[in-house]
Amino acid sequence: MTVADCRQIDFPEIRDPRGSLTFIEALRHVPFEIKRVYFIHGVPGHAIRAGHAHKALQQILLAIAGSFQVLLDDGTHKKLVVLDRCDYGLYIGPGVWRELKQFSPGAI
């Protein structure tokens, strides 16, 4: 997998006067079965999270609130992605190094 294979995935959003609803379904909006969901919060703005790659894991990162940057690195190419909305996510496949940084206050 390379940085070029990492991509934005848009999630459905239903809007009405009461607000918006965004949802994600495994194997429909995400190209894999979802086995675990976790979130990172309370991160100081200067902290760096992740700092690793996975051998087999596929992952979607999204900003539920606030924003943060994701630096992707496949050993040849690097790409910086800003996540700042909850209606899209960043797909990262196996073998791509990721660093999460520049967290805004209240980012989740």
N, C-alpha and C. Protein backbone atom coordinates (compact mmCIF):
# COMPACT_ATOMS: atom_id res chain seq x y z
N MET A 1 0.85 -1.18 0.00
CA MET A 1 0.00 0.00 0.00
C MET A 1 0.89 1.23 0.00
N THR A 2 0.47 2.28 -0.69
CA THR A 2 1.23 3.52 -0.76
C THR A 2 0.38 4.69 -0.28
N VAL A 3 1.03 5.82 -0.12
CA VAL A 3 0.31 7.04 0.24
C VAL A 3 -0.77 7.35 -0.79
N ALA A 4 -0.48 7.07 -2.06
CA ALA A 4 -1.47 7.33 -3.12
C ALA A 4 -2.74 6.51 -2.96
N ASP A 5 -2.64 5.36 -2.28
CA ASP A 5 -3.82 4.52 -2.06
C ASP A 5 -4.69 5.02 -0.92
N CYS A 6 -4.14 5.88 -0.08
CA CYS A 6 -4.93 6.47 1.02
C CYS A 6 -5.85 7.51 0.40
N ARG A 7 -7.08 7.53 0.84
CA ARG A 7 -8.04 8.42 0.17
C ARG A 7 -9.14 8.87 1.12
N GLN A 8 -9.77 9.96 0.71
CA GLN A 8 -10.91 10.48 1.46
C GLN A 8 -12.13 9.65 1.11
N ILE A 9 -12.90 9.32 2.14
CA ILE A 9 -14.18 8.64 1.95
C ILE A 9 -15.26 9.54 2.53
N ASP A 10 -16.20 9.93 1.68
CA ASP A 10 -17.32 10.77 2.12
C ASP A 10 -18.41 9.89 2.71
N PHE A 11 -18.97 10.33 3.82
CA PHE A 11 -20.03 9.60 4.48
C PHE A 11 -21.37 10.31 4.24
N PRO A 12 -22.46 9.55 4.19
CA PRO A 12 -23.77 10.16 3.98
C PRO A 12 -24.10 11.14 5.11
N GLU A 13 -24.73 12.22 4.73
CA GLU A 13 -25.16 13.20 5.73
C GLU A 13 -26.60 13.59 5.44
N ILE A 14 -27.42 13.50 6.46
CA ILE A 14 -28.82 13.89 6.35
C ILE A 14 -28.98 15.18 7.15
N ARG A 15 -29.44 16.23 6.48
CA ARG A 15 -29.60 17.54 7.14
C ARG A 15 -31.07 17.92 7.17
N ASP A 16 -31.46 18.51 8.27
CA ASP A 16 -32.78 19.11 8.37
C ASP A 16 -32.68 20.22 9.41
N PRO A 17 -33.77 20.94 9.69
CA PRO A 17 -33.70 22.07 10.62
C PRO A 17 -33.22 21.69 12.03
N ARG A 18 -33.29 20.41 12.39
CA ARG A 18 -32.87 19.98 13.72
C ARG A 18 -31.37 19.71 13.80
N GLY A 19 -30.69 19.72 12.66
CA GLY A 19 -29.26 19.44 12.66
C GLY A 19 -28.91 18.41 11.60
N SER A 20 -27.75 17.82 11.73
CA SER A 20 -27.26 16.85 10.74
C SER A 20 -27.00 15.50 11.39
N LEU A 21 -27.16 14.46 10.60
CA LEU A 21 -26.88 13.10 11.02
C LEU A 21 -25.95 12.48 9.98
N THR A 22 -24.80 12.00 10.43
CA THR A 22 -23.86 11.31 9.56
C THR A 22 -23.74 9.88 10.05
N PHE A 23 -23.70 8.93 9.13
CA PHE A 23 -23.60 7.53 9.54
C PHE A 23 -22.60 6.79 8.66
N ILE A 24 -22.09 5.68 9.21
CA ILE A 24 -21.08 4.88 8.53
C ILE A 24 -21.48 3.41 8.67
N GLU A 25 -21.54 2.70 7.56
CA GLU A 25 -21.85 1.28 7.57
C GLU A 25 -20.68 0.49 7.00
N ALA A 26 -20.29 -0.57 7.74
CA ALA A 26 -19.21 -1.44 7.27
C ALA A 26 -19.58 -2.08 5.95
N LEU A 27 -18.60 -2.23 5.08
CA LEU A 27 -18.72 -2.85 3.77
C LEU A 27 -19.64 -2.09 2.82
N ARG A 28 -20.17 -0.97 3.27
CA ARG A 28 -20.95 -0.11 2.38
C ARG A 28 -20.23 1.21 2.19
N HIS A 29 -19.95 1.90 3.28
CA HIS A 29 -19.23 3.17 3.22
C HIS A 29 -17.75 2.98 3.50
N VAL A 30 -17.42 1.93 4.18
CA VAL A 30 -16.05 1.59 4.56
C VAL A 30 -15.72 0.26 3.88
N PRO A 31 -14.55 0.14 3.23
CA PRO A 31 -14.25 -1.07 2.45
C PRO A 31 -13.76 -2.28 3.26
N PHE A 32 -14.21 -2.39 4.51
CA PHE A 32 -13.81 -3.51 5.35
C PHE A 32 -14.81 -3.66 6.48
N GLU A 33 -14.75 -4.82 7.16
CA GLU A 33 -15.60 -5.01 8.34
C GLU A 33 -15.03 -4.20 9.49
N ILE A 34 -15.90 -3.55 10.23
CA ILE A 34 -15.47 -2.77 11.39
C ILE A 34 -15.41 -3.71 12.59
N LYS A 35 -14.23 -3.84 13.19
CA LYS A 35 -14.06 -4.72 14.34
C LYS A 35 -13.89 -3.95 15.64
N ARG A 36 -13.47 -2.69 15.53
CA ARG A 36 -13.27 -1.89 16.75
C ARG A 36 -13.39 -0.43 16.39
N VAL A 37 -13.95 0.34 17.32
CA VAL A 37 -14.04 1.79 17.20
C VAL A 37 -13.43 2.39 18.45
N TYR A 38 -12.55 3.35 18.27
CA TYR A 38 -11.99 4.05 19.43
C TYR A 38 -11.81 5.51 19.06
N PHE A 39 -11.69 6.36 20.07
CA PHE A 39 -11.46 7.77 19.79
C PHE A 39 -10.42 8.32 20.75
N ILE A 40 -9.70 9.31 20.25
CA ILE A 40 -8.64 9.98 21.00
C ILE A 40 -9.17 11.37 21.35
N HIS A 41 -9.03 11.77 22.60
CA HIS A 41 -9.52 13.09 23.00
C HIS A 41 -8.63 13.64 24.10
N GLY A 42 -8.74 14.93 24.36
CA GLY A 42 -7.94 15.56 25.40
C GLY A 42 -6.46 15.65 25.03
N VAL A 43 -6.16 15.65 23.74
CA VAL A 43 -4.78 15.68 23.29
C VAL A 43 -4.26 17.11 23.27
N PRO A 44 -3.14 17.38 23.92
CA PRO A 44 -2.55 18.72 23.83
C PRO A 44 -2.21 19.05 22.38
N GLY A 45 -2.36 20.29 21.99
CA GLY A 45 -2.15 20.70 20.60
C GLY A 45 -0.78 20.36 20.05
N HIS A 46 0.23 20.31 20.89
CA HIS A 46 1.60 20.05 20.43
C HIS A 46 1.95 18.57 20.40
N ALA A 47 1.08 17.71 20.90
CA ALA A 47 1.38 16.27 21.00
C ALA A 47 1.30 15.60 19.62
N ILE A 48 2.04 14.52 19.48
CA ILE A 48 1.99 13.68 18.28
C ILE A 48 1.51 12.30 18.71
N ARG A 49 0.48 11.82 18.04
CA ARG A 49 -0.08 10.50 18.33
C ARG A 49 0.20 9.57 17.16
N ALA A 50 -0.05 8.31 17.36
CA ALA A 50 0.17 7.24 16.37
C ALA A 50 1.67 7.03 16.23
N GLY A 51 2.28 7.46 15.12
CA GLY A 51 3.71 7.26 14.93
C GLY A 51 4.05 5.81 14.65
N HIS A 52 3.22 5.15 13.82
CA HIS A 52 3.45 3.76 13.47
C HIS A 52 2.67 3.40 12.21
N ALA A 53 2.92 2.22 11.70
CA ALA A 53 2.14 1.63 10.62
C ALA A 53 1.59 0.31 11.13
N HIS A 54 0.69 -0.27 10.37
CA HIS A 54 0.14 -1.59 10.72
C HIS A 54 0.45 -2.57 9.61
N LYS A 55 0.70 -3.82 9.97
CA LYS A 55 1.01 -4.85 8.97
C LYS A 55 -0.21 -5.25 8.15
N ALA A 56 -1.35 -5.36 8.79
CA ALA A 56 -2.54 -5.84 8.09
C ALA A 56 -3.77 -4.96 8.28
N LEU A 57 -3.79 -4.13 9.29
CA LEU A 57 -4.96 -3.33 9.66
C LEU A 57 -5.30 -2.28 8.61
N GLN A 58 -6.58 -2.17 8.31
CA GLN A 58 -7.12 -1.06 7.53
C GLN A 58 -7.83 -0.15 8.51
N GLN A 59 -7.79 1.15 8.25
CA GLN A 59 -8.30 2.09 9.23
C GLN A 59 -8.93 3.29 8.55
N ILE A 60 -9.94 3.84 9.21
CA ILE A 60 -10.53 5.11 8.81
C ILE A 60 -10.32 6.08 9.96
N LEU A 61 -9.73 7.23 9.67
CA LEU A 61 -9.59 8.29 10.67
C LEU A 61 -10.58 9.39 10.32
N LEU A 62 -11.24 9.94 11.34
CA LEU A 62 -12.11 11.08 11.11
C LEU A 62 -12.11 11.98 12.33
N ALA A 63 -12.36 13.23 12.09
CA ALA A 63 -12.45 14.22 13.16
C ALA A 63 -13.91 14.35 13.56
N ILE A 64 -14.25 13.82 14.71
CA ILE A 64 -15.62 13.94 15.22
C ILE A 64 -15.89 15.38 15.62
N ALA A 65 -14.88 16.02 16.21
CA ALA A 65 -14.96 17.43 16.60
C ALA A 65 -13.58 18.04 16.41
N GLY A 66 -13.53 19.32 16.13
CA GLY A 66 -12.25 19.99 15.97
C GLY A 66 -11.51 19.52 14.73
N SER A 67 -10.18 19.59 14.80
CA SER A 67 -9.38 19.21 13.65
C SER A 67 -8.02 18.69 14.09
N PHE A 68 -7.35 17.99 13.18
CA PHE A 68 -5.98 17.56 13.37
C PHE A 68 -5.39 17.22 12.01
N GLN A 69 -4.07 17.12 11.97
CA GLN A 69 -3.36 16.78 10.74
C GLN A 69 -2.89 15.33 10.81
N VAL A 70 -2.83 14.70 9.64
CA VAL A 70 -2.32 13.34 9.53
C VAL A 70 -1.19 13.37 8.50
N LEU A 71 0.00 13.00 8.94
CA LEU A 71 1.13 12.87 8.03
C LEU A 71 1.25 11.41 7.64
N LEU A 72 1.11 11.12 6.35
CA LEU A 72 1.21 9.77 5.81
C LEU A 72 2.58 9.60 5.17
N ASP A 73 3.17 8.41 5.31
CA ASP A 73 4.50 8.15 4.78
C ASP A 73 4.59 6.68 4.40
N ASP A 74 4.89 6.39 3.13
CA ASP A 74 5.05 5.00 2.69
C ASP A 74 6.51 4.61 2.49
N GLY A 75 7.43 5.47 2.93
CA GLY A 75 8.85 5.22 2.76
C GLY A 75 9.42 5.87 1.52
N THR A 76 8.55 6.24 0.58
CA THR A 76 8.96 6.92 -0.64
C THR A 76 8.30 8.29 -0.75
N HIS A 77 7.02 8.32 -0.45
CA HIS A 77 6.24 9.56 -0.56
C HIS A 77 5.61 9.91 0.78
N LYS A 78 5.41 11.22 0.98
CA LYS A 78 4.72 11.72 2.16
C LYS A 78 3.55 12.59 1.70
N LYS A 79 2.53 12.63 2.54
CA LYS A 79 1.36 13.45 2.24
C LYS A 79 0.78 13.93 3.56
N LEU A 80 0.42 15.21 3.62
CA LEU A 80 -0.21 15.79 4.81
C LEU A 80 -1.70 16.00 4.52
N VAL A 81 -2.54 15.47 5.39
CA VAL A 81 -4.00 15.58 5.24
C VAL A 81 -4.56 16.25 6.49
N VAL A 82 -5.46 17.19 6.30
CA VAL A 82 -6.14 17.84 7.42
C VAL A 82 -7.54 17.24 7.53
N LEU A 83 -7.87 16.76 8.71
CA LEU A 83 -9.22 16.26 8.99
C LEU A 83 -9.90 17.29 9.88
N ASP A 84 -11.03 17.82 9.40
CA ASP A 84 -11.69 18.90 10.14
C ASP A 84 -13.21 18.88 10.05
N ARG A 85 -13.76 17.79 9.56
CA ARG A 85 -15.21 17.63 9.49
C ARG A 85 -15.56 16.18 9.77
N CYS A 86 -16.75 15.93 10.26
CA CYS A 86 -17.13 14.55 10.60
C CYS A 86 -17.88 13.85 9.48
N ASP A 87 -18.05 14.48 8.33
CA ASP A 87 -18.78 13.83 7.24
C ASP A 87 -17.85 13.19 6.21
N TYR A 88 -16.57 13.09 6.53
CA TYR A 88 -15.65 12.34 5.68
C TYR A 88 -14.53 11.78 6.55
N GLY A 89 -13.89 10.76 6.05
CA GLY A 89 -12.79 10.15 6.78
C GLY A 89 -11.63 9.88 5.85
N LEU A 90 -10.51 9.49 6.42
CA LEU A 90 -9.31 9.17 5.66
C LEU A 90 -9.06 7.68 5.77
N TYR A 91 -9.10 6.99 4.63
CA TYR A 91 -8.81 5.57 4.59
C TYR A 91 -7.29 5.38 4.54
N ILE A 92 -6.75 4.54 5.45
CA ILE A 92 -5.33 4.20 5.47
C ILE A 92 -5.23 2.69 5.49
N GLY A 93 -4.52 2.15 4.54
CA GLY A 93 -4.34 0.71 4.46
C GLY A 93 -3.05 0.26 5.13
N PRO A 94 -2.78 -1.03 5.08
CA PRO A 94 -1.60 -1.60 5.72
C PRO A 94 -0.30 -1.02 5.16
N GLY A 95 0.70 -0.91 6.03
CA GLY A 95 2.04 -0.52 5.62
C GLY A 95 2.30 0.97 5.49
N VAL A 96 1.30 1.80 5.72
CA VAL A 96 1.49 3.24 5.61
C VAL A 96 1.64 3.82 7.02
N TRP A 97 2.76 4.49 7.23
CA TRP A 97 3.06 5.15 8.51
C TRP A 97 2.16 6.36 8.65
N ARG A 98 1.68 6.58 9.87
CA ARG A 98 0.83 7.75 10.12
C ARG A 98 1.25 8.42 11.42
N GLU A 99 1.22 9.75 11.39
CA GLU A 99 1.41 10.57 12.59
C GLU A 99 0.26 11.55 12.66
N LEU A 100 -0.37 11.63 13.82
CA LEU A 100 -1.45 12.58 14.05
C LEU A 100 -0.88 13.73 14.86
N LYS A 101 -1.14 14.97 14.42
CA LYS A 101 -0.54 16.13 15.09
C LYS A 101 -1.40 17.37 14.88
N GLN A 102 -0.99 18.46 15.52
CA GLN A 102 -1.67 19.76 15.40
C GLN A 102 -3.15 19.66 15.77
N PHE A 103 -3.43 19.08 16.92
CA PHE A 103 -4.81 18.94 17.38
C PHE A 103 -5.36 20.28 17.83
N SER A 104 -6.55 20.62 17.35
CA SER A 104 -7.21 21.84 17.82
C SER A 104 -7.78 21.59 19.22
N PRO A 105 -8.05 22.65 19.97
CA PRO A 105 -8.68 22.45 21.29
C PRO A 105 -10.02 21.71 21.12
N GLY A 106 -10.25 20.71 21.92
CA GLY A 106 -11.49 19.95 21.87
C GLY A 106 -11.57 18.94 20.76
N ALA A 107 -10.47 18.70 20.07
CA ALA A 107 -10.51 17.73 18.97
C ALA A 107 -10.78 16.32 19.49
N ILE A 108 -11.59 15.61 18.74
CA ILE A 108 -11.89 14.21 19.03
C ILE A 108 -11.72 13.44 17.72
